[in-house]
């Protein structure tokens, strides 16, 4: 029930981590680390380093838009806008 309020993308990744642990692909420590990081409430401020849920893109939060979305500059240039739930602290 604790995870029921999470966004779909985070819930899917937590389920995947647990399934990989059960299958023997992940050790317990790694699984717990993944689940804890995905279960954290996202509250970013300008200057925070962030990455996507999959970790494929990293960058720095530039500002928080009026609607609560994070505007962030990706490493190497360019800006993206994302819901805080779709980002992880780096």
Protein backbone atom coordinates (compact mmCIF):
# COMPACT_ATOMS: atom_id res chain seq x y z
CA UNK A 1 0.00 0.00 0.00
CA UNK A 2 2.90 2.35 0.61
CA UNK A 3 3.78 2.29 -3.08
CA UNK A 4 0.20 2.69 -4.34
CA UNK A 5 0.48 6.51 -4.54
CA UNK A 6 3.57 6.47 -6.74
CA UNK A 7 3.42 7.51 -10.39
CA UNK A 8 3.08 4.65 -12.86
CA UNK A 9 6.67 4.89 -14.13
CA UNK A 10 8.15 4.62 -10.64
CA UNK A 11 5.76 1.83 -9.66
CA UNK A 12 6.76 -0.12 -12.79
CA UNK A 13 10.47 0.26 -12.03
CA UNK A 14 10.01 -0.82 -8.40
CA UNK A 15 8.09 -3.89 -9.55
CA UNK A 16 10.84 -4.65 -12.04
CA UNK A 17 13.55 -4.37 -9.35
CA UNK A 18 11.63 -6.74 -7.07
CA UNK A 19 11.11 -9.22 -9.91
CA UNK A 20 14.82 -9.14 -10.78
CA UNK A 21 15.66 -9.83 -7.13
CA UNK A 22 13.27 -12.79 -7.05
CA UNK A 23 14.78 -14.10 -10.30
CA UNK A 24 18.25 -13.87 -8.77
CA UNK A 25 19.52 -11.17 -11.12
CA UNK A 26 19.84 -8.50 -8.38
CA UNK A 27 21.25 -8.90 -4.90
CA UNK A 28 19.11 -7.76 -1.97
CA UNK A 29 21.19 -4.64 -1.22
CA UNK A 30 20.92 -3.34 -4.77
CA UNK A 31 17.17 -4.03 -4.90
CA UNK A 32 16.59 -2.17 -1.62
CA UNK A 33 18.70 0.76 -2.86
CA UNK A 34 16.68 0.98 -6.08
CA UNK A 35 13.33 0.80 -4.29
CA UNK A 36 14.32 3.41 -1.68
CA UNK A 37 15.51 5.87 -4.32
CA UNK A 38 12.32 5.44 -6.38
CA UNK A 39 10.04 5.74 -3.34
CA UNK A 40 11.47 9.13 -2.27
CA UNK A 41 9.26 12.18 -2.71
CA UNK A 42 10.69 14.36 -5.42
CA UNK A 43 11.23 17.99 -4.36
CA UNK A 44 13.87 19.68 -6.47
CA UNK A 45 15.21 23.21 -6.44
CA UNK A 46 17.41 25.10 -8.90
CA UNK A 47 20.97 23.81 -8.89
CA UNK A 48 20.06 20.21 -7.97
CA UNK A 49 21.69 17.52 -10.09
CA UNK A 50 19.11 15.11 -11.51
CA UNK A 51 18.83 12.14 -13.84
CA UNK A 52 15.99 10.35 -15.59
CA UNK A 53 14.48 7.27 -13.97
CA UNK A 54 16.57 5.04 -16.24
CA UNK A 55 19.66 7.17 -15.65
CA UNK A 56 20.26 7.72 -19.35
CA UNK A 57 20.14 11.54 -19.20
CA UNK A 58 21.65 13.73 -16.49
CA UNK A 59 21.59 17.44 -15.85
CA UNK A 60 20.90 20.35 -13.49
CA UNK A 61 17.55 21.88 -12.50
CA UNK A 62 17.37 25.46 -13.81
CA UNK A 63 13.99 26.46 -12.36
CA UNK A 64 10.66 25.11 -11.20
CA UNK A 65 7.77 26.15 -13.46
CA UNK A 66 4.52 27.55 -12.05
CA UNK A 67 2.80 24.19 -12.63
CA UNK A 68 5.45 22.37 -10.55
CA UNK A 69 7.39 20.82 -13.42
CA UNK A 70 11.18 20.99 -13.34
CA UNK A 71 12.99 22.78 -16.14
CA UNK A 72 16.45 21.28 -16.33
CA UNK A 73 19.54 21.69 -18.50
CA UNK A 74 20.94 18.40 -19.71
CA UNK A 75 24.68 17.79 -19.62
CA UNK A 76 26.01 18.79 -23.02
CA UNK A 77 23.36 21.44 -23.68
CA UNK A 78 19.64 21.73 -24.22
CA UNK A 79 16.75 22.01 -21.79
CA UNK A 80 14.01 19.58 -20.90
CA UNK A 81 10.84 19.87 -18.81
CA UNK A 82 9.74 16.99 -16.59
CA UNK A 83 7.47 16.19 -13.70
CA UNK A 84 9.49 15.86 -10.50
CA UNK A 85 8.26 12.25 -10.21
CA UNK A 86 10.03 11.42 -13.46
CA UNK A 87 13.45 12.50 -12.14
CA UNK A 88 15.83 11.17 -9.52
CA UNK A 89 18.45 13.10 -7.55
CA UNK A 90 21.96 12.33 -8.73
